[in-house]
Amino acid sequence: MANIVKPPCDEGVIRTTSSHEPCARDVRPWVLAATILGSSMAMIDGSVVNVALPVMQARLNATATQVQWVVESYALFLAALILVGGSLGDNFGRRRIFAAGIALFAFASIWCGLSPNINQLILARAIQGIGGALLVPGSLAIISAAFSQEQRGQAIGTWSGFTAITSALGPVLGGWLVEQASWRWIFFLNVPIALLVLGIVFLRVPESRNEAATNKLDWWGAFLVTVGLGSLVYGLLEAGHTSLSDPVAIIGLGMGIATLIVFVLVEKNQRMPMMPLSLFRSGTFSGANLLTLLLYAALGGVLFFFPFNLIQVQGYSPTAAGGAFLPLILLMFLLSRWSGGLVSRYGAKRPLIIGPSIAAVGFALFALPSIGGSYWITFFPAIAVLGFGMAISVAPLTTTVMGAVKVEQAGTASGINNAVARTASLLAIAVFSLIISYAFNSALDTRLTQLQIPPSVQQLLNPQRVKLAGAEIPPGLSEAVASVLKSAIAQSFVSSFRLIMLIASGLAIVSAIVAALMIKPQDTLN
C-alpha cells in the first residue's frame, strides 16, 4: 500500500532532466496521457494488491510470510533496479525502455491473474517489479524530455493531479473488484490500460535519449544491491516464520549484510556508479535520505498491515478497506501546493521537523482502537493526522534533496532519494513482519493460558499461527470454544498491531530529530 503515497522527488526527477528539443505542441497531450496512464498502472497495482492480500491469503491458503512475499518480491526489484531503469532510458531511448516496461508489466499482470498457487504469484510479482523499474523512471524522463523548463511546471501539475486521482480511486476500485468478482481481476485490469498506453507511445510519443550518456551501466551495482536486499528480506521473513536463531535466517541476514557492504565498496570504486557516494558528503543530503528512510519505513510498514486489521479483525469489506485510505490521499493532494509554499516562507528545515512530528502523532493514534466501533471515531482521526503530517513533509523533502547538491547532480540525487523511499518500505515490511509475528504469538500464548484452553486444542491451532489474524479455527470444536479462540486470535493481532504502530511513531519522531540535527538551511556541494 506504500504506493498510496508517492515517493518524494518524483517531481524533482522531472524538473532536473535535460530537454534539448521539447516536442511539438500537439504531441504534448499524448505524452501526458501515456505517462499518466503508465504511472497510474504501477501506482494502482501497488495500492490495490494490499487491499486484496487478506482475500488472497484465504483463497490460496497462504501463510503470512508468503503473502508478505507477494508485496516484497515486487518492491525488491522495483527498489533495486529503478536507478538502472532510468539509465537504460537515457542510453537506449526513453520511449523504447518505457514501452518495454509497460509490456513486461502487462505480461506479468496476466501471469499474476492466472497464477494457480501462491509461489507462482510471488514469481510473477517479481517480474512485475522489473517492469515497474523500467516504466516508472521512464514516464518521468519522457515528461522531462518533452517539455521545456518553462513548460514543466504545468506538466508536473497535470501529471501529479491525475496520478493523485488514480491513487485515490485505486484501492476502492480494487476492493470492489475483489468483493464483486475476484482478486485476479486487479491484475487483469492492467492489460487494457497497457495496450492503450503502448498504442499512444508508438503512434504519438517521440523517441528521446541523453546524447551524453556513456552506454556504460552499473550492472554489478544493480546485481549486488538486488542480492543484498533480497537476502536481507529473506532472512528477516524467515526469522519471523521460525526464529532469529534459525540457521537459514542467520545465513540470509549475514549474506545480505555482507553483500550490501560489497555493494558500497564497488560503488566507491566504480567509474560510473548507480549511486555516487560522493553525494553523501553533504550532511543535508545524508540527513534528507536518512529522514526519508525512517519516515517511509514507518509509512510502508503501517500501510501494509492496516488492511489485515480492517478486513480480518474489524470485519470491513475489501471496498470499505480501500476507501479507508481516501482521507490520507485527498489531504496530501489538496495540501500539496500549500506545503510547497511553506518552503518559500520558512525554508525546508522547519517543515521537516514539524511534518514528521505530526505524522508521529498520527501513527500513535492507530494504536488506540480495539475491535469494533465506527470508522469515523476509530481510524479516521489517525489517517487524517497522518495525512496532514505527510503533506507537510513531502514537498520540503524534495526541495531539500535537490538543493543539497550541485545543479548538475540534482537529477541523480532525486533518483537516489526516490529509491531510498521504496527501499524503506521494502525493509520495513520485513522488519515489522518479524516483530508482529513474535508479538502475536506471545499475546496468543498468554490469552490461551488465561482462558485455560486445553493443550490438545492449542496443538490443533498451532499450524494456523503462521497466518496471524487469518488463522482458521480447527474444525470439530464446540461453538463456544470456537468463538473464544476467534476472539483470542483477533485480540492478539490487535495487540501486535498496536506495537508496530508505536514503533512507527518512534521512527517518525527520530526522523524529525534527524531533520533538526542534520539538515541545514543551505548546504550544497561546491
Protein backbone atom coordinates (compact mmCIF):
# COMPACT_ATOMS: atom_id res chain seq x y z
CA MET A 1 0.00 0.00 0.00
CA ALA A 2 3.02 2.22 0.03
CA ASN A 3 2.18 3.39 -3.45
CA ILE A 4 -0.83 5.20 -2.00
CA VAL A 5 1.71 7.91 -1.14
CA LYS A 6 4.06 8.72 -3.99
CA PRO A 7 7.76 8.66 -3.08
CA PRO A 8 9.41 12.05 -2.68
CA CYS A 9 11.36 13.55 -5.55
CA ASP A 10 9.18 12.30 -8.40
CA GLU A 11 8.78 15.95 -9.40
CA GLY A 12 12.48 16.51 -8.80
CA VAL A 13 13.35 13.81 -11.34
CA ILE A 14 11.15 15.53 -13.92
CA ARG A 15 12.49 19.02 -13.27
CA THR A 16 16.17 18.14 -13.41
CA THR A 17 16.39 16.05 -16.59
CA SER A 18 17.77 17.99 -19.56
CA SER A 19 15.49 18.74 -22.52
CA HIS A 20 17.34 19.82 -25.65
CA GLU A 21 14.40 19.80 -28.10
CA PRO A 22 10.94 19.86 -26.49
CA CYS A 23 8.29 18.09 -28.58
CA ALA A 24 5.66 19.83 -30.70
CA ARG A 25 2.62 21.37 -29.03
CA ASP A 26 0.15 18.86 -30.50
CA VAL A 27 2.23 15.93 -29.19
CA ARG A 28 2.41 17.07 -25.56
CA PRO A 29 -1.13 15.99 -24.56
CA TRP A 30 -0.36 12.50 -25.87
CA VAL A 31 2.88 12.42 -23.89
CA LEU A 32 0.98 13.33 -20.73
CA ALA A 33 -1.73 10.77 -21.47
CA ALA A 34 0.81 7.95 -21.95
CA THR A 35 2.88 8.83 -18.89
CA ILE A 36 -0.14 9.39 -16.63
CA LEU A 37 -1.70 6.07 -17.64
CA GLY A 38 1.63 4.24 -17.36
CA SER A 39 2.46 5.70 -13.94
CA SER A 40 -1.09 5.14 -12.75
CA MET A 41 -0.95 1.50 -13.75
CA ALA A 42 2.01 0.93 -11.43
CA MET A 43 0.51 3.07 -8.64
CA ILE A 44 -2.90 1.39 -8.78
CA ASP A 45 -1.34 -2.06 -8.81
CA GLY A 46 0.88 -1.26 -5.85
CA SER A 47 -2.04 0.00 -3.77
CA VAL A 48 -4.83 -2.43 -4.65
CA VAL A 49 -2.70 -5.52 -4.03
CA ASN A 50 -2.51 -4.73 -0.31
CA VAL A 51 -6.29 -4.48 -0.07
CA ALA A 52 -6.56 -7.88 -1.78
CA LEU A 53 -3.92 -9.63 0.34
CA PRO A 54 -6.28 -10.91 3.07
CA VAL A 55 -8.51 -12.46 0.37
CA MET A 56 -5.51 -13.90 -1.48
CA GLN A 57 -4.30 -15.46 1.76
CA ALA A 58 -7.62 -17.25 2.24
CA ARG A 59 -8.11 -18.28 -1.41
CA LEU A 60 -4.55 -19.57 -1.91
CA ASN A 61 -4.18 -20.98 1.62
CA ALA A 62 -1.02 -18.91 2.13
CA THR A 63 0.96 -18.18 5.26
CA ALA A 64 1.63 -14.64 6.47
CA THR A 65 5.20 -14.92 5.16
CA GLN A 66 4.00 -15.95 1.71
CA VAL A 67 1.58 -13.04 1.35
CA GLN A 68 4.35 -10.72 2.53
CA TRP A 69 6.47 -12.01 -0.34
CA VAL A 70 3.67 -11.06 -2.76
CA VAL A 71 4.47 -7.44 -1.89
CA GLU A 72 8.19 -7.84 -1.16
CA SER A 73 9.12 -9.58 -4.44
CA TYR A 74 7.63 -6.65 -6.38
CA ALA A 75 9.12 -3.99 -4.12
CA LEU A 76 12.55 -5.64 -4.15
CA PHE A 77 13.13 -5.46 -7.88
CA LEU A 78 11.47 -2.06 -8.21
CA ALA A 79 13.65 -0.53 -5.49
CA ALA A 80 16.89 -2.24 -6.58
CA LEU A 81 16.59 -1.62 -10.32
CA ILE A 82 14.82 1.74 -10.59
CA LEU A 83 18.10 3.68 -10.95
CA VAL A 84 19.28 1.27 -13.65
CA GLY A 85 15.92 1.62 -15.39
CA GLY A 86 16.44 5.36 -15.66
CA SER A 87 19.96 4.87 -17.06
CA LEU A 88 18.69 2.40 -19.65
CA GLY A 89 16.25 5.01 -20.93
CA ASP A 90 18.99 7.64 -21.19
CA ASN A 91 21.21 5.26 -23.13
CA PHE A 92 18.87 3.29 -25.37
CA GLY A 93 15.85 5.55 -25.74
CA ARG A 94 13.30 6.60 -23.14
CA ARG A 95 10.29 5.64 -25.24
CA ARG A 96 11.76 2.22 -26.02
CA ILE A 97 12.53 1.38 -22.38
CA PHE A 98 9.22 2.80 -21.16
CA ALA A 99 7.35 0.66 -23.70
CA ALA A 100 9.38 -2.40 -22.71
CA GLY A 101 8.46 -1.77 -19.07
CA ILE A 102 4.76 -1.45 -19.94
CA ALA A 103 4.82 -4.68 -21.98
CA LEU A 104 6.68 -6.61 -19.27
CA PHE A 105 4.34 -5.26 -16.59
CA ALA A 106 1.30 -6.34 -18.62
CA PHE A 107 2.73 -9.82 -19.24
CA ALA A 108 3.47 -10.26 -15.55
CA SER A 109 -0.03 -8.98 -14.68
CA ILE A 110 -1.59 -11.72 -16.82
CA TRP A 111 0.64 -14.26 -15.11
CA CYS A 112 -0.38 -12.92 -11.69
CA GLY A 113 -4.06 -13.21 -12.58
CA LEU A 114 -3.66 -16.78 -13.83
CA SER A 115 -1.40 -17.98 -11.01
CA PRO A 116 -2.74 -21.28 -9.62
CA ASN A 117 -0.77 -21.03 -6.36
CA ILE A 118 1.00 -18.55 -4.12
CA ASN A 119 4.52 -19.42 -5.32
CA GLN A 120 3.72 -18.62 -8.95
CA LEU A 121 2.07 -15.38 -7.85
CA ILE A 122 5.24 -14.37 -5.97
CA LEU A 123 7.40 -15.08 -9.03
CA ALA A 124 5.05 -13.17 -11.33
CA ARG A 125 5.12 -10.21 -8.95
CA ALA A 126 8.92 -10.18 -9.13
CA ILE A 127 8.67 -9.87 -12.93
CA GLN A 128 6.16 -7.07 -12.42
CA GLY A 129 8.73 -5.31 -10.27
CA ILE A 130 11.28 -5.44 -13.08
CA GLY A 131 8.70 -3.97 -15.45
CA GLY A 132 7.94 -1.25 -12.92
CA ALA A 133 11.65 -0.39 -12.64
CA LEU A 134 11.61 0.33 -16.38
CA LEU A 135 8.30 2.15 -16.71
CA VAL A 136 8.33 4.35 -13.56
CA PRO A 137 11.57 6.28 -14.27
CA GLY A 138 10.75 6.13 -17.98
CA SER A 139 7.48 8.02 -17.52
CA LEU A 140 9.25 10.77 -15.55
CA ALA A 141 12.08 11.02 -18.10
CA ILE A 142 9.70 11.23 -21.07
CA ILE A 143 7.91 14.21 -19.48
CA SER A 144 11.29 15.86 -18.88
CA ALA A 145 12.34 15.37 -22.50
CA ALA A 146 9.03 16.50 -23.97
CA PHE A 147 8.62 19.80 -22.10
CA SER A 148 10.94 22.77 -21.76
CA GLN A 149 11.95 24.10 -18.36
CA GLU A 150 9.25 26.78 -18.62
CA GLN A 151 6.52 24.26 -19.51
CA ARG A 152 7.36 21.64 -16.91
CA GLY A 153 5.55 23.31 -14.03
CA GLN A 154 2.19 22.95 -15.75
CA ALA A 155 3.05 19.45 -16.98
CA ILE A 156 4.06 18.36 -13.47
CA GLY A 157 0.82 19.77 -12.07
CA THR A 158 -1.26 17.85 -14.61
CA TRP A 159 0.69 14.62 -14.07
CA SER A 160 0.58 14.94 -10.28
CA GLY A 161 -3.13 15.76 -10.24
CA PHE A 162 -4.23 12.82 -12.38
CA THR A 163 -1.92 10.32 -10.68
CA ALA A 164 -3.26 11.51 -7.30
CA ILE A 165 -6.80 10.79 -8.51
CA THR A 166 -5.86 7.29 -9.66
CA SER A 167 -4.05 6.70 -6.35
CA ALA A 168 -7.24 7.63 -4.53
CA LEU A 169 -9.57 5.56 -6.69
CA GLY A 170 -7.24 2.56 -7.00
CA PRO A 171 -7.80 0.98 -3.56
CA VAL A 172 -11.58 1.49 -3.77
CA LEU A 173 -11.78 0.03 -7.27
CA GLY A 174 -9.51 -2.84 -6.29
CA GLY A 175 -11.57 -3.58 -3.21
CA TRP A 176 -14.77 -3.56 -5.29
CA LEU A 177 -13.25 -5.98 -7.84
CA VAL A 178 -12.10 -8.31 -5.07
CA GLU A 179 -15.53 -8.19 -3.46
CA GLN A 180 -17.70 -8.45 -6.57
CA ALA A 181 -15.56 -10.54 -8.92
CA SER A 182 -12.18 -11.99 -7.91
CA TRP A 183 -8.79 -10.82 -6.68
CA ARG A 184 -7.46 -11.93 -10.08
CA TRP A 185 -9.19 -9.02 -11.80
CA ILE A 186 -6.99 -6.46 -10.05
CA PHE A 187 -4.20 -7.78 -12.27
CA PHE A 188 -6.23 -8.30 -15.45
CA LEU A 189 -7.29 -4.65 -15.20
CA ASN A 190 -3.73 -3.67 -16.18
CA VAL A 191 -3.93 -5.34 -19.61
CA PRO A 192 -6.31 -2.94 -21.46
CA ILE A 193 -4.55 0.04 -19.87
CA ALA A 194 -1.19 -1.29 -21.06
CA LEU A 195 -2.48 -1.83 -24.60
CA LEU A 196 -3.81 1.73 -24.69
CA VAL A 197 -0.50 3.14 -23.41
CA LEU A 198 1.53 1.15 -25.95
CA GLY A 199 -0.72 2.38 -28.76
CA ILE A 200 -0.22 6.01 -27.73
CA VAL A 201 3.52 5.54 -27.21
CA PHE A 202 4.24 4.05 -30.62
CA LEU A 203 1.85 6.29 -32.56
CA ARG A 204 2.30 9.67 -30.90
CA VAL A 205 5.25 9.85 -28.47
CA PRO A 206 8.65 10.76 -29.98
CA GLU A 207 11.85 8.95 -29.02
CA SER A 208 14.46 10.75 -26.92
CA ARG A 209 17.73 9.87 -25.23
CA ASN A 210 20.60 11.52 -23.44
CA GLU A 211 23.27 12.03 -26.09
CA ALA A 212 25.88 12.48 -23.36
CA ALA A 213 25.14 9.04 -21.90
CA THR A 214 28.17 6.73 -21.84
CA ASN A 215 26.38 3.41 -22.58
CA LYS A 216 28.18 2.06 -19.51
CA LEU A 217 25.70 0.80 -16.95
CA ASP A 218 26.46 -0.24 -13.40
CA TRP A 219 25.29 -3.84 -13.72
CA TRP A 220 27.48 -5.00 -10.83
CA GLY A 221 25.90 -2.43 -8.56
CA ALA A 222 22.40 -3.48 -9.62
CA PHE A 223 23.21 -7.16 -9.09
CA LEU A 224 24.77 -6.63 -5.67
CA VAL A 225 22.03 -4.38 -4.30
CA THR A 226 19.35 -6.82 -5.51
CA VAL A 227 21.05 -9.83 -3.93
CA GLY A 228 21.86 -7.88 -0.77
CA LEU A 229 18.35 -6.53 -0.20
CA GLY A 230 16.78 -9.83 -1.26
CA SER A 231 18.91 -11.84 1.17
CA LEU A 232 18.24 -9.39 3.98
CA VAL A 233 14.47 -9.51 3.42
CA TYR A 234 14.53 -13.31 3.12
CA GLY A 235 16.44 -13.62 6.40
CA LEU A 236 14.04 -11.30 8.22
CA LEU A 237 10.89 -13.01 6.90
CA GLU A 238 12.33 -16.45 7.65
CA ALA A 239 13.16 -15.32 11.19
CA GLY A 240 9.54 -14.23 11.61
CA HIS A 241 8.38 -17.64 10.43
CA THR A 242 10.83 -19.59 12.64
CA SER A 243 13.19 -17.63 14.91
CA LEU A 244 16.23 -15.36 14.75
CA SER A 245 18.39 -18.32 15.75
CA ASP A 246 17.27 -20.37 12.76
CA PRO A 247 20.37 -21.20 10.60
CA VAL A 248 18.55 -20.25 7.37
CA ALA A 249 17.61 -16.86 8.81
CA ILE A 250 21.16 -16.27 10.07
CA ILE A 251 22.64 -17.17 6.68
CA GLY A 252 20.16 -14.88 4.88
CA LEU A 253 20.85 -11.94 7.16
CA GLY A 254 24.61 -12.48 7.07
CA MET A 255 24.68 -12.78 3.29
CA GLY A 256 22.52 -9.69 2.92
CA ILE A 257 24.71 -7.53 5.14
CA ALA A 258 27.94 -8.81 3.55
CA THR A 259 26.63 -8.24 0.01
CA LEU A 260 25.49 -4.70 0.78
CA ILE A 261 28.95 -3.93 2.21
CA VAL A 262 30.47 -5.20 -1.03
CA PHE A 263 27.96 -3.02 -2.93
CA VAL A 264 29.21 0.08 -1.11
CA LEU A 265 32.84 -0.83 -1.89
CA VAL A 266 32.05 -1.42 -5.56
CA GLU A 267 30.16 1.87 -5.83
CA LYS A 268 33.09 3.67 -4.22
CA ASN A 269 35.48 2.44 -6.93
CA GLN A 270 33.04 2.40 -9.88
CA ARG A 271 33.71 5.00 -12.58
CA MET A 272 30.00 5.45 -13.33
CA PRO A 273 28.19 4.21 -10.19
CA MET A 274 24.41 3.96 -9.96
CA MET A 275 24.70 5.57 -6.51
CA PRO A 276 27.58 8.09 -6.37
CA LEU A 277 28.76 8.01 -2.75
CA SER A 278 30.31 11.45 -3.09
CA LEU A 279 26.82 12.95 -2.82
CA PHE A 280 26.64 11.79 0.78
CA ARG A 281 29.45 14.18 1.71
CA SER A 282 26.67 16.71 2.04
CA GLY A 283 25.31 16.48 5.56
CA THR A 284 21.95 17.76 4.39
CA PHE A 285 21.72 15.19 1.59
CA SER A 286 22.62 12.39 4.01
CA GLY A 287 20.14 13.72 6.56
CA ALA A 288 17.35 14.02 3.99
CA ASN A 289 17.86 10.43 2.89
CA LEU A 290 18.02 9.17 6.48
CA LEU A 291 14.82 11.07 7.22
CA THR A 292 13.25 9.51 4.11
CA LEU A 293 14.35 6.03 5.16
CA LEU A 294 12.84 6.37 8.63
CA LEU A 295 9.61 8.15 7.72
CA TYR A 296 8.78 6.00 4.69
CA ALA A 297 9.71 2.85 6.61
CA ALA A 298 7.10 3.78 9.20
CA LEU A 299 4.56 4.57 6.49
CA GLY A 300 5.23 1.45 4.43
CA GLY A 301 5.03 -0.90 7.38
CA VAL A 302 1.79 0.61 8.66
CA LEU A 303 0.03 0.68 5.30
CA PHE A 304 0.93 -2.98 4.70
CA PHE A 305 -0.60 -4.32 7.92
CA PHE A 306 -3.56 -1.92 8.19
CA PRO A 307 -5.76 -3.75 5.61
CA PHE A 308 -5.30 -7.03 7.52
CA ASN A 309 -6.63 -5.32 10.64
CA LEU A 310 -9.56 -3.79 8.78
CA ILE A 311 -10.63 -6.91 6.88
CA GLN A 312 -9.64 -9.86 9.08
CA VAL A 313 -10.23 -8.31 12.50
CA GLN A 314 -12.60 -5.33 12.15
CA GLY A 315 -14.79 -7.06 9.55
CA TYR A 316 -14.53 -4.38 6.83
CA SER A 317 -15.31 -5.36 3.25
CA PRO A 318 -12.41 -5.01 0.76
CA THR A 319 -14.18 -1.99 -0.77
CA ALA A 320 -14.57 -0.29 2.62
CA ALA A 321 -10.93 -1.09 3.47
CA GLY A 322 -9.81 0.57 0.24
CA GLY A 323 -11.99 3.60 0.94
CA ALA A 324 -10.48 3.97 4.41
CA PHE A 325 -7.36 5.49 2.84
CA LEU A 326 -9.16 8.21 0.87
CA PRO A 327 -8.77 10.96 3.52
CA LEU A 328 -5.00 10.48 3.60
CA ILE A 329 -4.66 10.69 -0.19
CA LEU A 330 -7.01 13.64 -0.55
CA LEU A 331 -5.31 15.59 2.23
CA MET A 332 -1.91 15.16 0.63
CA PHE A 333 -3.26 16.16 -2.78
CA LEU A 334 -5.22 19.21 -1.58
CA LEU A 335 -2.42 20.49 0.67
CA SER A 336 0.49 19.89 -1.72
CA ARG A 337 0.54 23.45 -3.11
CA TRP A 338 0.17 24.92 0.41
CA SER A 339 3.02 22.79 1.77
CA GLY A 340 5.22 23.90 -1.13
CA GLY A 341 4.57 27.47 -0.06
CA LEU A 342 5.84 26.67 3.43
CA VAL A 343 9.30 26.17 1.96
CA SER A 344 9.25 29.64 0.43
CA ARG A 345 8.13 31.25 3.70
CA TYR A 346 10.03 29.28 6.33
CA GLY A 347 12.65 27.21 4.49
CA ALA A 348 12.65 23.42 4.35
CA LYS A 349 14.11 22.57 7.76
CA ARG A 350 11.22 23.72 9.96
CA PRO A 351 8.51 21.83 7.99
CA LEU A 352 10.73 18.73 8.04
CA ILE A 353 10.71 18.88 11.84
CA ILE A 354 7.01 19.68 12.23
CA GLY A 355 5.66 17.37 9.49
CA PRO A 356 7.17 14.10 10.75
CA SER A 357 6.28 15.09 14.34
CA ILE A 358 2.61 15.41 13.35
CA ALA A 359 2.88 12.13 11.42
CA ALA A 360 4.21 10.51 14.61
CA VAL A 361 1.01 11.53 16.39
CA GLY A 362 -0.98 10.01 13.53
CA PHE A 363 0.89 6.71 13.78
CA ALA A 364 0.33 6.65 17.55
CA LEU A 365 -3.42 7.21 17.09
CA PHE A 366 -3.61 3.94 15.13
CA ALA A 367 -2.71 2.15 18.37
CA LEU A 368 -5.82 3.37 20.23
CA PRO A 369 -8.74 1.47 18.61
CA SER A 370 -9.57 -2.05 19.76
CA ILE A 371 -12.17 -4.15 17.92
CA GLY A 372 -15.40 -2.62 16.64
CA GLY A 373 -16.61 0.97 16.63
CA SER A 374 -17.33 3.47 13.87
CA TYR A 375 -14.56 4.22 11.37
CA TRP A 376 -15.02 7.95 11.98
CA ILE A 377 -14.10 7.71 15.67
CA THR A 378 -11.56 4.89 15.46
CA PHE A 379 -9.27 5.09 12.42
CA PHE A 380 -10.30 8.31 10.66
CA PRO A 381 -8.55 10.61 13.18
CA ALA A 382 -5.31 8.64 12.77
CA ILE A 383 -5.50 8.71 8.97
CA ALA A 384 -6.33 12.43 8.89
CA VAL A 385 -3.48 13.42 11.22
CA LEU A 386 -1.03 11.18 9.35
CA GLY A 387 -2.12 12.67 6.01
CA PHE A 388 -1.62 16.19 7.35
CA GLY A 389 1.85 15.34 8.64
CA MET A 390 2.92 13.70 5.38
CA ALA A 391 1.53 16.61 3.36
CA ILE A 392 3.77 19.00 5.28
CA SER A 393 6.81 16.73 4.79
CA VAL A 394 6.92 15.68 1.13
CA ALA A 395 7.42 18.97 -0.76
CA PRO A 396 10.13 20.29 1.63
CA LEU A 397 11.88 16.92 1.43
CA THR A 398 12.05 17.14 -2.37
CA THR A 399 13.35 20.71 -2.16
CA THR A 400 15.98 19.73 0.40
CA VAL A 401 17.32 16.83 -1.64
CA MET A 402 17.60 18.90 -4.81
CA GLY A 403 19.16 21.85 -3.02
CA ALA A 404 21.78 19.83 -1.17
CA VAL A 405 23.88 19.04 -4.26
CA LYS A 406 25.19 20.81 -7.33
CA VAL A 407 22.64 21.65 -10.01
CA GLU A 408 24.04 19.09 -12.46
CA GLN A 409 23.71 16.35 -9.82
CA ALA A 410 20.13 17.16 -8.79
CA GLY A 411 18.61 14.53 -11.10
CA THR A 412 20.81 11.77 -9.69
CA ALA A 413 20.14 12.96 -6.13
CA SER A 414 16.38 12.92 -6.74
CA GLY A 415 16.56 9.41 -8.19
CA ILE A 416 18.54 8.14 -5.19
CA ASN A 417 16.05 9.63 -2.73
CA ASN A 418 13.18 8.09 -4.69
CA ALA A 419 14.89 4.69 -4.48
CA VAL A 420 15.57 5.14 -0.76
CA ALA A 421 11.84 5.69 -0.12
CA ARG A 422 10.98 2.46 -1.94
CA THR A 423 13.74 0.55 -0.17
CA ALA A 424 12.48 1.85 3.18
CA SER A 425 9.08 0.26 2.60
CA LEU A 426 10.69 -2.98 1.44
CA LEU A 427 12.79 -3.32 4.59
CA ALA A 428 10.06 -2.08 6.94
CA ILE A 429 7.61 -4.78 5.90
CA ALA A 430 10.25 -7.43 6.58
CA VAL A 431 11.27 -5.99 9.97
CA PHE A 432 7.69 -5.30 11.07
CA SER A 433 6.71 -8.81 10.00
CA LEU A 434 9.33 -10.23 12.35
CA ILE A 435 8.10 -8.04 15.21
CA ILE A 436 4.41 -8.68 14.65
CA SER A 437 4.96 -12.44 14.42
CA TYR A 438 6.70 -12.58 17.81
CA ALA A 439 4.22 -10.20 19.42
CA PHE A 440 1.19 -12.04 18.03
CA ASN A 441 2.35 -15.46 19.20
CA SER A 442 3.35 -14.15 22.62
CA ALA A 443 -0.04 -12.44 23.10
CA LEU A 444 -1.90 -15.52 21.85
CA ASP A 445 0.01 -17.80 24.24
CA THR A 446 -0.88 -15.54 27.14
CA ARG A 447 -4.57 -15.43 26.21
CA LEU A 448 -4.83 -19.17 25.64
CA THR A 449 -3.29 -19.78 29.07
CA GLN A 450 -5.64 -17.29 30.74
CA LEU A 451 -8.64 -18.87 29.02
CA GLN A 452 -7.45 -22.33 30.10
CA ILE A 453 -7.72 -23.71 26.58
CA PRO A 454 -6.82 -27.45 26.68
CA PRO A 455 -3.36 -28.33 25.29
CA SER A 456 -4.97 -30.63 22.72
CA VAL A 457 -6.93 -27.70 21.24
CA GLN A 458 -3.87 -25.45 21.31
CA GLN A 459 -1.98 -28.10 19.38
CA LEU A 460 -4.68 -28.12 16.70
CA LEU A 461 -4.40 -24.32 16.43
CA ASN A 462 -0.59 -24.17 16.21
CA PRO A 463 -0.31 -24.85 12.43
CA GLN A 464 -2.59 -21.86 11.80
CA ARG A 465 -0.43 -19.36 13.71
CA VAL A 466 1.61 -18.62 10.57
CA LYS A 467 -1.49 -16.91 9.13
CA LEU A 468 -1.70 -14.43 12.04
CA ALA A 469 -5.16 -12.80 12.00
CA GLY A 470 -6.13 -15.09 9.12
CA ALA A 471 -5.75 -18.19 11.29
CA GLU A 472 -8.65 -20.60 10.80
CA ILE A 473 -10.39 -22.22 13.76
CA PRO A 474 -9.78 -26.00 13.82
CA PRO A 475 -12.89 -27.99 12.83
CA GLY A 476 -14.80 -30.13 15.29
CA LEU A 477 -14.76 -27.67 18.21
CA SER A 478 -17.86 -26.57 20.05
CA GLU A 479 -19.35 -23.21 19.08
CA ALA A 480 -18.37 -21.72 22.44
CA VAL A 481 -14.71 -22.79 22.20
CA ALA A 482 -14.52 -21.69 18.55
CA SER A 483 -15.88 -18.24 19.50
CA VAL A 484 -13.36 -17.88 22.33
CA LEU A 485 -10.47 -18.85 20.02
CA LYS A 486 -11.61 -16.44 17.31
CA SER A 487 -11.71 -13.59 19.82
CA ALA A 488 -8.27 -14.54 21.21
CA ILE A 489 -6.76 -14.51 17.71
CA ALA A 490 -8.31 -11.12 16.89
CA GLN A 491 -7.24 -9.55 20.19
CA SER A 492 -3.71 -10.93 19.80
CA PHE A 493 -3.40 -9.39 16.35
CA VAL A 494 -4.67 -6.04 17.65
CA SER A 495 -2.04 -6.15 20.40
CA SER A 496 0.76 -6.80 17.90
CA PHE A 497 -0.64 -4.17 15.50
CA ARG A 498 -0.58 -1.60 18.30
CA LEU A 499 3.08 -2.39 18.94
CA ILE A 500 4.18 -1.74 15.37
CA MET A 501 2.09 1.45 15.27
CA LEU A 502 4.01 2.74 18.29
CA ILE A 503 7.32 1.71 16.70
CA ALA A 504 6.28 3.57 13.54
CA SER A 505 5.53 6.62 15.66
CA GLY A 506 9.01 6.34 17.17
CA LEU A 507 10.58 6.16 13.71
CA ALA A 508 8.76 9.34 12.69
CA ILE A 509 9.96 11.13 15.83
CA VAL A 510 13.55 10.07 15.10
CA SER A 511 13.17 11.37 11.53
CA ALA A 512 12.15 14.77 12.93
CA ILE A 513 15.23 14.72 15.19
CA VAL A 514 17.37 13.89 12.14
CA ALA A 515 15.94 16.96 10.40
CA ALA A 516 16.75 19.14 13.40
CA LEU A 517 20.33 17.89 13.70
CA MET A 518 21.47 17.24 10.11
CA ILE A 519 19.56 19.48 7.72
CA LYS A 520 20.93 22.97 7.29
CA PRO A 521 19.22 25.91 5.58
CA GLN A 522 21.88 25.91 2.84
CA ASP A 523 24.22 23.03 2.08
CA THR A 524 25.49 22.48 -1.44
CA LEU A 525 28.49 20.70 -2.84
CA ASN A 526 30.75 23.24 -4.37
